[in-house]
């Protein structure tokens, strides 16, 4: 039963990543940097964020550092597609991240292990979460920001994930 759960977690993460990938399909890097709403969010910035979020949380699972603190200085670039970055480059990096995440899920001895999470200004007390909860948090982050990305893409050029998925 545990193997089935792990494979289903991997499958759901893959599915959510694919939906996000559809949203940025065919984008030029300049379009990925373009704001289309009153928000500062862009498609490239959201792509950077979801990829980085997955890397961050899988690192938390692996390191299990009871003294870790969130590096607030990273927030300046968290939601931006940097001048030396590209959509294609981030997607390739996210593919490699996804492979490492899948391998981690398959290799972890126990999804119930309790992991210390980094403290942050908005979470000054250390919180312990199960591996399963952290993996579901990654899934939620991707799904949450896929909605933002879909709105931004539709405002950019009329495309939306549902329509693009069907074509």
N, C-alpha and C. Protein backbone atom coordinates (compact mmCIF):
# COMPACT_ATOMS: atom_id res chain seq x y z
N UNK A 1 0.82 -1.20 0.00
CA UNK A 1 0.00 0.00 0.00
C UNK A 1 0.86 1.26 0.00
N UNK A 2 1.97 1.25 0.73
CA UNK A 2 2.83 2.43 0.81
C UNK A 2 3.40 2.79 -0.55
N UNK A 3 3.76 1.77 -1.36
CA UNK A 3 4.29 2.06 -2.69
C UNK A 3 3.25 2.73 -3.56
N UNK A 4 1.99 2.31 -3.45
CA UNK A 4 0.90 2.92 -4.21
C UNK A 4 0.76 4.39 -3.83
N UNK A 5 0.79 4.69 -2.54
CA UNK A 5 0.68 6.08 -2.10
C UNK A 5 1.83 6.92 -2.66
N UNK A 6 3.02 6.42 -2.60
CA UNK A 6 4.18 7.16 -3.11
C UNK A 6 4.03 7.43 -4.61
N UNK A 7 3.63 6.41 -5.36
CA UNK A 7 3.48 6.59 -6.81
C UNK A 7 2.33 7.55 -7.13
N UNK A 8 1.29 7.53 -6.31
CA UNK A 8 0.19 8.48 -6.53
C UNK A 8 0.62 9.91 -6.19
N UNK A 9 1.42 10.09 -5.17
CA UNK A 9 1.97 11.42 -4.87
C UNK A 9 2.82 11.92 -6.04
N UNK A 10 3.66 11.06 -6.55
CA UNK A 10 4.51 11.43 -7.70
C UNK A 10 3.64 11.78 -8.90
N UNK A 11 2.63 10.97 -9.15
CA UNK A 11 1.74 11.20 -10.29
C UNK A 11 1.00 12.54 -10.16
N UNK A 12 0.50 12.85 -8.97
CA UNK A 12 -0.21 14.12 -8.77
C UNK A 12 0.74 15.32 -8.91
N UNK A 13 1.94 15.19 -8.38
CA UNK A 13 2.91 16.27 -8.56
C UNK A 13 3.23 16.46 -10.05
N UNK A 14 3.43 15.36 -10.75
CA UNK A 14 3.69 15.43 -12.20
C UNK A 14 2.52 16.09 -12.93
N UNK A 15 1.31 15.72 -12.54
CA UNK A 15 0.12 16.28 -13.18
C UNK A 15 0.03 17.78 -12.96
N UNK A 16 0.28 18.23 -11.75
CA UNK A 16 0.20 19.67 -11.47
C UNK A 16 1.32 20.44 -12.19
N UNK A 17 2.51 19.84 -12.25
CA UNK A 17 3.60 20.47 -13.00
C UNK A 17 3.23 20.59 -14.47
N UNK A 18 2.63 19.54 -15.02
CA UNK A 18 2.26 19.55 -16.42
C UNK A 18 1.23 20.64 -16.71
N UNK A 19 0.26 20.82 -15.83
CA UNK A 19 -0.72 21.89 -16.03
C UNK A 19 -0.03 23.25 -16.02
N UNK A 20 0.92 23.44 -15.13
CA UNK A 20 1.64 24.71 -15.10
C UNK A 20 2.45 24.87 -16.38
N UNK A 21 3.08 23.81 -16.83
CA UNK A 21 3.88 23.85 -18.07
C UNK A 21 3.01 24.23 -19.27
N UNK A 22 1.78 23.72 -19.30
CA UNK A 22 0.87 24.08 -20.39
C UNK A 22 0.62 25.57 -20.39
N UNK A 23 0.48 26.15 -19.22
CA UNK A 23 0.21 27.58 -19.10
C UNK A 23 1.34 28.43 -19.68
N UNK A 24 2.57 27.97 -19.58
CA UNK A 24 3.70 28.76 -20.10
C UNK A 24 4.16 28.27 -21.48
N UNK A 25 3.44 27.33 -22.06
CA UNK A 25 3.81 26.77 -23.37
C UNK A 25 3.84 27.86 -24.44
N UNK A 26 4.91 27.85 -25.21
CA UNK A 26 5.03 28.77 -26.34
C UNK A 26 5.36 30.21 -25.98
N UNK A 27 5.67 30.48 -24.74
CA UNK A 27 5.97 31.85 -24.31
C UNK A 27 7.39 32.26 -24.67
N UNK A 28 7.53 33.47 -25.14
CA UNK A 28 8.84 34.09 -25.28
C UNK A 28 9.25 34.61 -23.89
N UNK A 29 10.53 34.72 -23.65
CA UNK A 29 11.01 35.17 -22.34
C UNK A 29 10.49 36.57 -22.00
N UNK A 30 10.43 37.47 -22.98
CA UNK A 30 9.90 38.82 -22.72
C UNK A 30 8.44 38.76 -22.27
N UNK A 31 7.65 37.88 -22.90
CA UNK A 31 6.25 37.73 -22.48
C UNK A 31 6.17 37.17 -21.06
N UNK A 32 7.09 36.28 -20.71
CA UNK A 32 7.10 35.68 -19.38
C UNK A 32 7.45 36.70 -18.30
N UNK A 33 8.05 37.81 -18.69
CA UNK A 33 8.40 38.87 -17.75
C UNK A 33 7.33 39.97 -17.69
N UNK A 34 6.34 39.87 -18.55
CA UNK A 34 5.33 40.93 -18.71
C UNK A 34 4.22 40.80 -17.67
N UNK A 35 3.94 41.92 -17.00
CA UNK A 35 2.82 41.99 -16.05
C UNK A 35 1.53 42.21 -16.85
N UNK A 36 0.48 41.49 -16.51
CA UNK A 36 -0.79 41.67 -17.21
C UNK A 36 -1.93 42.04 -16.26
N UNK A 37 -1.64 42.12 -14.98
CA UNK A 37 -2.64 42.50 -13.98
C UNK A 37 -2.01 43.55 -13.06
N UNK A 38 -2.77 44.03 -12.11
CA UNK A 38 -2.23 45.00 -11.16
C UNK A 38 -1.18 44.37 -10.24
N UNK A 39 -1.17 43.06 -10.17
CA UNK A 39 -0.18 42.34 -9.37
C UNK A 39 1.20 42.45 -10.01
N UNK A 40 2.22 42.28 -9.20
CA UNK A 40 3.60 42.24 -9.69
C UNK A 40 3.93 40.87 -10.30
N UNK A 41 3.04 39.91 -10.15
CA UNK A 41 3.31 38.55 -10.61
C UNK A 41 3.40 38.48 -12.14
N UNK A 42 4.34 37.67 -12.59
CA UNK A 42 4.49 37.37 -14.02
C UNK A 42 4.58 35.85 -14.17
N UNK A 43 4.41 35.38 -15.40
CA UNK A 43 4.50 33.94 -15.63
C UNK A 43 5.90 33.42 -15.33
N UNK A 44 6.92 34.15 -15.75
CA UNK A 44 8.29 33.74 -15.46
C UNK A 44 8.58 33.75 -13.98
N UNK A 45 8.08 34.74 -13.29
CA UNK A 45 8.28 34.82 -11.85
C UNK A 45 7.59 33.69 -11.11
N UNK A 46 6.38 33.36 -11.54
CA UNK A 46 5.68 32.23 -10.92
C UNK A 46 6.38 30.91 -11.20
N UNK A 47 6.86 30.75 -12.43
CA UNK A 47 7.62 29.54 -12.76
C UNK A 47 8.85 29.43 -11.87
N UNK A 48 9.57 30.52 -11.72
CA UNK A 48 10.76 30.53 -10.84
C UNK A 48 10.35 30.14 -9.42
N UNK A 49 9.26 30.71 -8.94
CA UNK A 49 8.83 30.46 -7.56
C UNK A 49 8.45 29.00 -7.33
N UNK A 50 7.62 28.41 -8.21
CA UNK A 50 7.18 27.04 -7.95
C UNK A 50 8.35 26.06 -8.04
N UNK A 51 9.26 26.31 -8.98
CA UNK A 51 10.44 25.45 -9.10
C UNK A 51 11.31 25.59 -7.84
N UNK A 52 11.55 26.82 -7.43
CA UNK A 52 12.38 27.07 -6.25
C UNK A 52 11.72 26.53 -4.98
N UNK A 53 10.40 26.65 -4.88
CA UNK A 53 9.68 26.14 -3.71
C UNK A 53 9.86 24.64 -3.58
N UNK A 54 9.75 23.93 -4.69
CA UNK A 54 9.95 22.47 -4.65
C UNK A 54 11.38 22.14 -4.23
N UNK A 55 12.35 22.86 -4.76
CA UNK A 55 13.74 22.62 -4.37
C UNK A 55 13.94 22.89 -2.88
N UNK A 56 13.37 23.98 -2.40
CA UNK A 56 13.51 24.35 -0.99
C UNK A 56 12.94 23.26 -0.07
N UNK A 57 11.70 22.85 -0.33
CA UNK A 57 11.06 21.92 0.58
C UNK A 57 11.66 20.51 0.51
N UNK A 58 12.12 20.09 -0.65
CA UNK A 58 12.78 18.78 -0.69
C UNK A 58 14.12 18.85 0.04
N UNK A 59 14.78 19.99 -0.01
CA UNK A 59 16.03 20.17 0.74
C UNK A 59 15.74 20.12 2.26
N UNK A 60 14.62 20.72 2.67
CA UNK A 60 14.22 20.67 4.09
C UNK A 60 14.03 19.22 4.52
N UNK A 61 13.38 18.41 3.67
CA UNK A 61 13.17 16.99 4.00
C UNK A 61 14.50 16.26 4.14
N UNK A 62 15.41 16.51 3.22
CA UNK A 62 16.69 15.80 3.22
C UNK A 62 17.58 16.25 4.38
N UNK A 63 17.69 17.55 4.58
CA UNK A 63 18.62 18.07 5.59
C UNK A 63 18.12 17.89 7.02
N UNK A 64 16.82 18.02 7.23
CA UNK A 64 16.22 17.85 8.56
C UNK A 64 16.97 18.66 9.62
N UNK A 65 17.26 19.90 9.30
CA UNK A 65 18.04 20.78 10.17
C UNK A 65 17.16 21.41 11.25
N UNK A 66 17.34 21.04 12.51
CA UNK A 66 16.50 21.58 13.58
C UNK A 66 16.81 23.04 13.91
N UNK A 67 17.82 23.61 13.27
CA UNK A 67 18.19 25.01 13.52
C UNK A 67 18.03 25.89 12.28
N UNK A 68 17.36 25.38 11.25
CA UNK A 68 17.29 26.12 9.99
C UNK A 68 16.41 27.37 10.12
N UNK A 69 16.78 28.37 9.34
CA UNK A 69 16.02 29.62 9.26
C UNK A 69 15.83 29.95 7.79
N UNK A 70 14.66 30.46 7.45
CA UNK A 70 14.37 30.86 6.09
C UNK A 70 15.23 32.08 5.74
N UNK A 71 15.88 32.04 4.58
CA UNK A 71 16.73 33.14 4.13
C UNK A 71 15.86 34.20 3.45
N UNK A 72 15.49 35.22 4.22
CA UNK A 72 14.60 36.27 3.73
C UNK A 72 15.23 37.05 2.57
N UNK A 73 16.55 37.08 2.48
CA UNK A 73 17.21 37.83 1.40
C UNK A 73 16.87 37.27 0.03
N UNK A 74 16.47 36.00 -0.04
CA UNK A 74 16.10 35.39 -1.32
C UNK A 74 14.77 35.90 -1.85
N UNK A 75 13.99 36.56 -1.02
CA UNK A 75 12.65 36.98 -1.43
C UNK A 75 12.67 38.04 -2.53
N UNK A 76 13.74 38.82 -2.64
CA UNK A 76 13.81 39.85 -3.68
C UNK A 76 13.74 39.25 -5.08
N UNK A 77 14.29 38.07 -5.26
CA UNK A 77 14.31 37.45 -6.59
C UNK A 77 13.36 36.27 -6.71
N UNK A 78 12.65 35.94 -5.67
CA UNK A 78 11.82 34.74 -5.64
C UNK A 78 10.77 34.71 -6.75
N UNK A 79 10.12 35.81 -7.01
CA UNK A 79 9.03 35.86 -7.98
C UNK A 79 9.44 36.56 -9.27
N UNK A 80 10.68 36.43 -9.65
CA UNK A 80 11.17 37.10 -10.86
C UNK A 80 11.91 36.13 -11.76
N UNK A 81 11.73 36.34 -13.06
CA UNK A 81 12.55 35.67 -14.05
C UNK A 81 13.73 36.60 -14.29
N UNK A 82 14.90 36.21 -13.79
CA UNK A 82 16.07 37.06 -13.85
C UNK A 82 16.52 37.32 -15.28
N UNK A 83 17.32 38.35 -15.47
CA UNK A 83 17.78 38.71 -16.82
C UNK A 83 18.61 37.63 -17.48
N UNK A 84 19.25 36.79 -16.70
CA UNK A 84 20.06 35.70 -17.26
C UNK A 84 19.32 34.37 -17.25
N UNK A 85 18.02 34.39 -16.95
CA UNK A 85 17.22 33.18 -16.93
C UNK A 85 16.27 33.16 -18.12
N UNK A 86 15.81 31.96 -18.47
CA UNK A 86 14.84 31.80 -19.55
C UNK A 86 13.77 30.81 -19.11
N UNK A 87 12.63 30.88 -19.78
CA UNK A 87 11.58 29.91 -19.50
C UNK A 87 12.10 28.50 -19.77
N UNK A 88 12.75 28.32 -20.91
CA UNK A 88 13.28 26.99 -21.27
C UNK A 88 14.28 26.50 -20.22
N UNK A 89 15.13 27.38 -19.75
CA UNK A 89 16.12 27.00 -18.74
C UNK A 89 15.48 26.62 -17.42
N UNK A 90 14.48 27.39 -16.99
CA UNK A 90 13.80 27.05 -15.74
C UNK A 90 13.01 25.75 -15.88
N UNK A 91 12.38 25.54 -17.04
CA UNK A 91 11.64 24.29 -17.23
C UNK A 91 12.59 23.08 -17.19
N UNK A 92 13.76 23.22 -17.78
CA UNK A 92 14.75 22.14 -17.74
C UNK A 92 15.20 21.90 -16.30
N UNK A 93 15.43 22.96 -15.55
CA UNK A 93 15.84 22.83 -14.15
C UNK A 93 14.71 22.20 -13.33
N UNK A 94 13.46 22.57 -13.64
CA UNK A 94 12.32 22.00 -12.92
C UNK A 94 12.18 20.51 -13.24
N UNK A 95 12.46 20.12 -14.50
CA UNK A 95 12.44 18.70 -14.85
C UNK A 95 13.43 17.92 -13.99
N UNK A 96 14.63 18.46 -13.85
CA UNK A 96 15.65 17.79 -13.03
C UNK A 96 15.21 17.75 -11.57
N UNK A 97 14.60 18.83 -11.10
CA UNK A 97 14.08 18.88 -9.73
C UNK A 97 13.01 17.82 -9.54
N UNK A 98 12.12 17.69 -10.52
CA UNK A 98 11.03 16.71 -10.43
C UNK A 98 11.59 15.29 -10.35
N UNK A 99 12.62 15.01 -11.12
CA UNK A 99 13.24 13.69 -11.06
C UNK A 99 13.82 13.42 -9.68
N UNK A 100 14.49 14.43 -9.11
CA UNK A 100 15.06 14.26 -7.76
C UNK A 100 13.95 14.09 -6.72
N UNK A 101 12.84 14.83 -6.89
CA UNK A 101 11.72 14.71 -5.95
C UNK A 101 11.13 13.31 -6.02
N UNK A 102 10.91 12.79 -7.23
CA UNK A 102 10.36 11.44 -7.39
C UNK A 102 11.28 10.40 -6.76
N UNK A 103 12.57 10.54 -6.99
CA UNK A 103 13.53 9.59 -6.40
C UNK A 103 13.48 9.68 -4.87
N UNK A 104 13.39 10.88 -4.34
CA UNK A 104 13.32 11.08 -2.90
C UNK A 104 12.07 10.40 -2.33
N UNK A 105 10.93 10.62 -2.98
CA UNK A 105 9.68 10.03 -2.50
C UNK A 105 9.79 8.51 -2.47
N UNK A 106 10.40 7.94 -3.49
CA UNK A 106 10.54 6.47 -3.56
C UNK A 106 11.53 5.93 -2.52
N UNK A 107 12.54 6.72 -2.18
CA UNK A 107 13.62 6.25 -1.30
C UNK A 107 13.39 6.53 0.18
N UNK A 108 12.54 7.48 0.51
CA UNK A 108 12.34 7.83 1.92
C UNK A 108 11.86 6.62 2.71
N UNK A 109 12.43 6.41 3.88
CA UNK A 109 12.00 5.24 4.65
C UNK A 109 10.57 5.35 5.16
N UNK A 110 10.10 6.59 5.42
CA UNK A 110 8.80 6.73 6.07
C UNK A 110 8.20 8.10 5.77
N UNK A 111 7.00 8.14 5.23
CA UNK A 111 6.33 9.42 4.96
C UNK A 111 5.78 10.06 6.23
N UNK A 112 5.78 9.30 7.32
CA UNK A 112 5.30 9.84 8.59
C UNK A 112 6.41 10.50 9.40
N UNK A 113 7.65 10.42 8.93
CA UNK A 113 8.75 11.07 9.66
C UNK A 113 8.43 12.54 9.89
N UNK A 114 8.77 13.02 11.07
CA UNK A 114 8.52 14.41 11.43
C UNK A 114 9.77 15.24 11.12
N UNK A 115 9.57 16.31 10.36
CA UNK A 115 10.68 17.13 9.84
C UNK A 115 10.62 18.52 10.47
N UNK A 116 11.75 19.03 10.98
CA UNK A 116 11.76 20.41 11.47
C UNK A 116 11.75 21.37 10.28
N UNK A 117 10.88 22.36 10.33
CA UNK A 117 10.83 23.33 9.24
C UNK A 117 11.54 24.62 9.65
N UNK A 118 12.04 25.36 8.66
CA UNK A 118 12.76 26.59 8.99
C UNK A 118 11.86 27.61 9.68
N UNK A 119 12.44 28.33 10.61
CA UNK A 119 11.72 29.46 11.18
C UNK A 119 11.82 30.62 10.20
N UNK A 120 10.92 31.57 10.34
CA UNK A 120 10.88 32.74 9.46
C UNK A 120 10.21 33.87 10.24
N UNK A 121 10.33 35.11 9.76
CA UNK A 121 9.66 36.20 10.47
C UNK A 121 8.16 35.96 10.67
N UNK A 122 7.51 35.30 9.71
CA UNK A 122 6.08 35.03 9.81
C UNK A 122 5.79 33.72 10.56
N UNK A 123 6.84 32.96 10.88
CA UNK A 123 6.72 31.70 11.62
C UNK A 123 7.90 31.57 12.57
N UNK A 124 7.93 32.39 13.63
CA UNK A 124 9.11 32.41 14.50
C UNK A 124 9.30 31.15 15.35
N UNK A 125 8.25 30.39 15.55
CA UNK A 125 8.36 29.15 16.33
C UNK A 125 8.60 27.98 15.38
N UNK A 126 9.50 27.10 15.73
CA UNK A 126 9.79 25.92 14.90
C UNK A 126 8.55 25.03 14.84
N UNK A 127 8.21 24.62 13.63
CA UNK A 127 7.09 23.71 13.41
C UNK A 127 7.66 22.42 12.82
N UNK A 128 7.11 21.30 13.25
CA UNK A 128 7.50 19.99 12.72
C UNK A 128 6.35 19.48 11.87
N UNK A 129 6.67 19.03 10.66
CA UNK A 129 5.64 18.50 9.75
C UNK A 129 6.09 17.13 9.26
N UNK A 130 5.11 16.31 8.92
CA UNK A 130 5.47 15.01 8.35
C UNK A 130 5.96 15.22 6.92
N UNK A 131 6.72 14.25 6.45
CA UNK A 131 7.18 14.27 5.06
C UNK A 131 5.96 14.37 4.14
N UNK A 132 4.94 13.58 4.41
CA UNK A 132 3.73 13.59 3.60
C UNK A 132 3.14 15.00 3.52
N UNK A 133 3.04 15.67 4.66
CA UNK A 133 2.47 17.02 4.69
C UNK A 133 3.30 17.98 3.83
N UNK A 134 4.61 17.88 3.92
CA UNK A 134 5.48 18.75 3.13
C UNK A 134 5.29 18.48 1.64
N UNK A 135 5.18 17.21 1.26
CA UNK A 135 4.95 16.88 -0.15
C UNK A 135 3.61 17.42 -0.62
N UNK A 136 2.60 17.32 0.23
CA UNK A 136 1.29 17.88 -0.12
C UNK A 136 1.35 19.41 -0.17
N UNK A 137 2.20 20.00 0.64
CA UNK A 137 2.39 21.46 0.58
C UNK A 137 3.00 21.86 -0.77
N UNK A 138 3.96 21.11 -1.25
CA UNK A 138 4.54 21.38 -2.58
C UNK A 138 3.44 21.30 -3.63
N UNK A 139 2.63 20.28 -3.56
CA UNK A 139 1.52 20.10 -4.50
C UNK A 139 0.57 21.29 -4.44
N UNK A 140 0.23 21.73 -3.23
CA UNK A 140 -0.66 22.88 -3.07
C UNK A 140 -0.06 24.14 -3.65
N UNK A 141 1.23 24.34 -3.44
CA UNK A 141 1.90 25.53 -3.99
C UNK A 141 1.81 25.57 -5.50
N UNK A 142 2.08 24.44 -6.14
CA UNK A 142 2.03 24.39 -7.60
C UNK A 142 0.60 24.65 -8.07
N UNK A 143 -0.38 24.00 -7.45
CA UNK A 143 -1.78 24.17 -7.84
C UNK A 143 -2.24 25.60 -7.61
N UNK A 144 -1.90 26.15 -6.48
CA UNK A 144 -2.29 27.53 -6.13
C UNK A 144 -1.76 28.52 -7.17
N UNK A 145 -0.50 28.39 -7.50
CA UNK A 145 0.10 29.34 -8.42
C UNK A 145 -0.24 29.05 -9.88
N UNK A 146 -0.70 27.83 -10.17
CA UNK A 146 -1.19 27.54 -11.51
C UNK A 146 -2.41 28.39 -11.82
N UNK A 147 -3.24 28.61 -10.82
CA UNK A 147 -4.41 29.48 -11.01
C UNK A 147 -4.00 30.91 -11.32
N UNK A 148 -3.01 31.41 -10.57
CA UNK A 148 -2.50 32.75 -10.87
C UNK A 148 -1.96 32.80 -12.30
N UNK A 149 -1.18 31.79 -12.64
CA UNK A 149 -0.54 31.76 -13.96
C UNK A 149 -1.59 31.74 -15.07
N UNK A 150 -2.66 31.00 -14.88
CA UNK A 150 -3.71 30.92 -15.90
C UNK A 150 -4.34 32.28 -16.15
N UNK A 151 -4.60 33.02 -15.09
CA UNK A 151 -5.18 34.36 -15.23
C UNK A 151 -4.21 35.29 -15.95
N UNK A 152 -2.95 35.24 -15.56
CA UNK A 152 -1.94 36.09 -16.20
C UNK A 152 -1.82 35.76 -17.68
N UNK A 153 -1.79 34.47 -18.01
CA UNK A 153 -1.65 34.06 -19.41
C UNK A 153 -2.87 34.49 -20.23
N UNK A 154 -4.05 34.33 -19.67
CA UNK A 154 -5.25 34.73 -20.40
C UNK A 154 -5.26 36.23 -20.65
N UNK A 155 -4.80 37.02 -19.68
CA UNK A 155 -4.72 38.47 -19.87
C UNK A 155 -3.62 38.84 -20.87
N UNK A 156 -2.60 38.01 -20.98
CA UNK A 156 -1.48 38.28 -21.89
C UNK A 156 -1.88 38.10 -23.35
N UNK A 157 -2.46 36.94 -23.66
CA UNK A 157 -2.74 36.67 -25.08
C UNK A 157 -4.01 35.87 -25.32
N UNK A 158 -4.87 35.77 -24.31
CA UNK A 158 -6.14 35.06 -24.47
C UNK A 158 -6.05 33.57 -24.27
N UNK A 159 -4.85 33.02 -24.17
CA UNK A 159 -4.71 31.58 -23.98
C UNK A 159 -5.08 31.21 -22.54
N UNK A 160 -5.58 30.02 -22.36
CA UNK A 160 -5.78 29.51 -21.00
C UNK A 160 -5.45 28.03 -21.00
N UNK A 161 -5.17 27.52 -19.83
CA UNK A 161 -4.68 26.16 -19.71
C UNK A 161 -5.68 25.13 -20.24
N UNK A 162 -6.96 25.32 -19.92
CA UNK A 162 -7.96 24.35 -20.36
C UNK A 162 -8.00 24.28 -21.88
N UNK A 163 -8.03 25.43 -22.53
CA UNK A 163 -8.07 25.46 -23.99
C UNK A 163 -6.78 24.88 -24.59
N UNK A 164 -5.63 25.31 -24.03
CA UNK A 164 -4.35 24.83 -24.55
C UNK A 164 -4.17 23.33 -24.34
N UNK A 165 -4.70 22.82 -23.25
CA UNK A 165 -4.59 21.40 -22.96
C UNK A 165 -5.35 20.58 -24.00
N UNK A 166 -6.46 21.13 -24.46
CA UNK A 166 -7.30 20.42 -25.42
C UNK A 166 -6.72 20.48 -26.84
N UNK A 167 -5.81 21.41 -27.08
CA UNK A 167 -5.30 21.55 -28.45
C UNK A 167 -3.97 20.89 -28.65
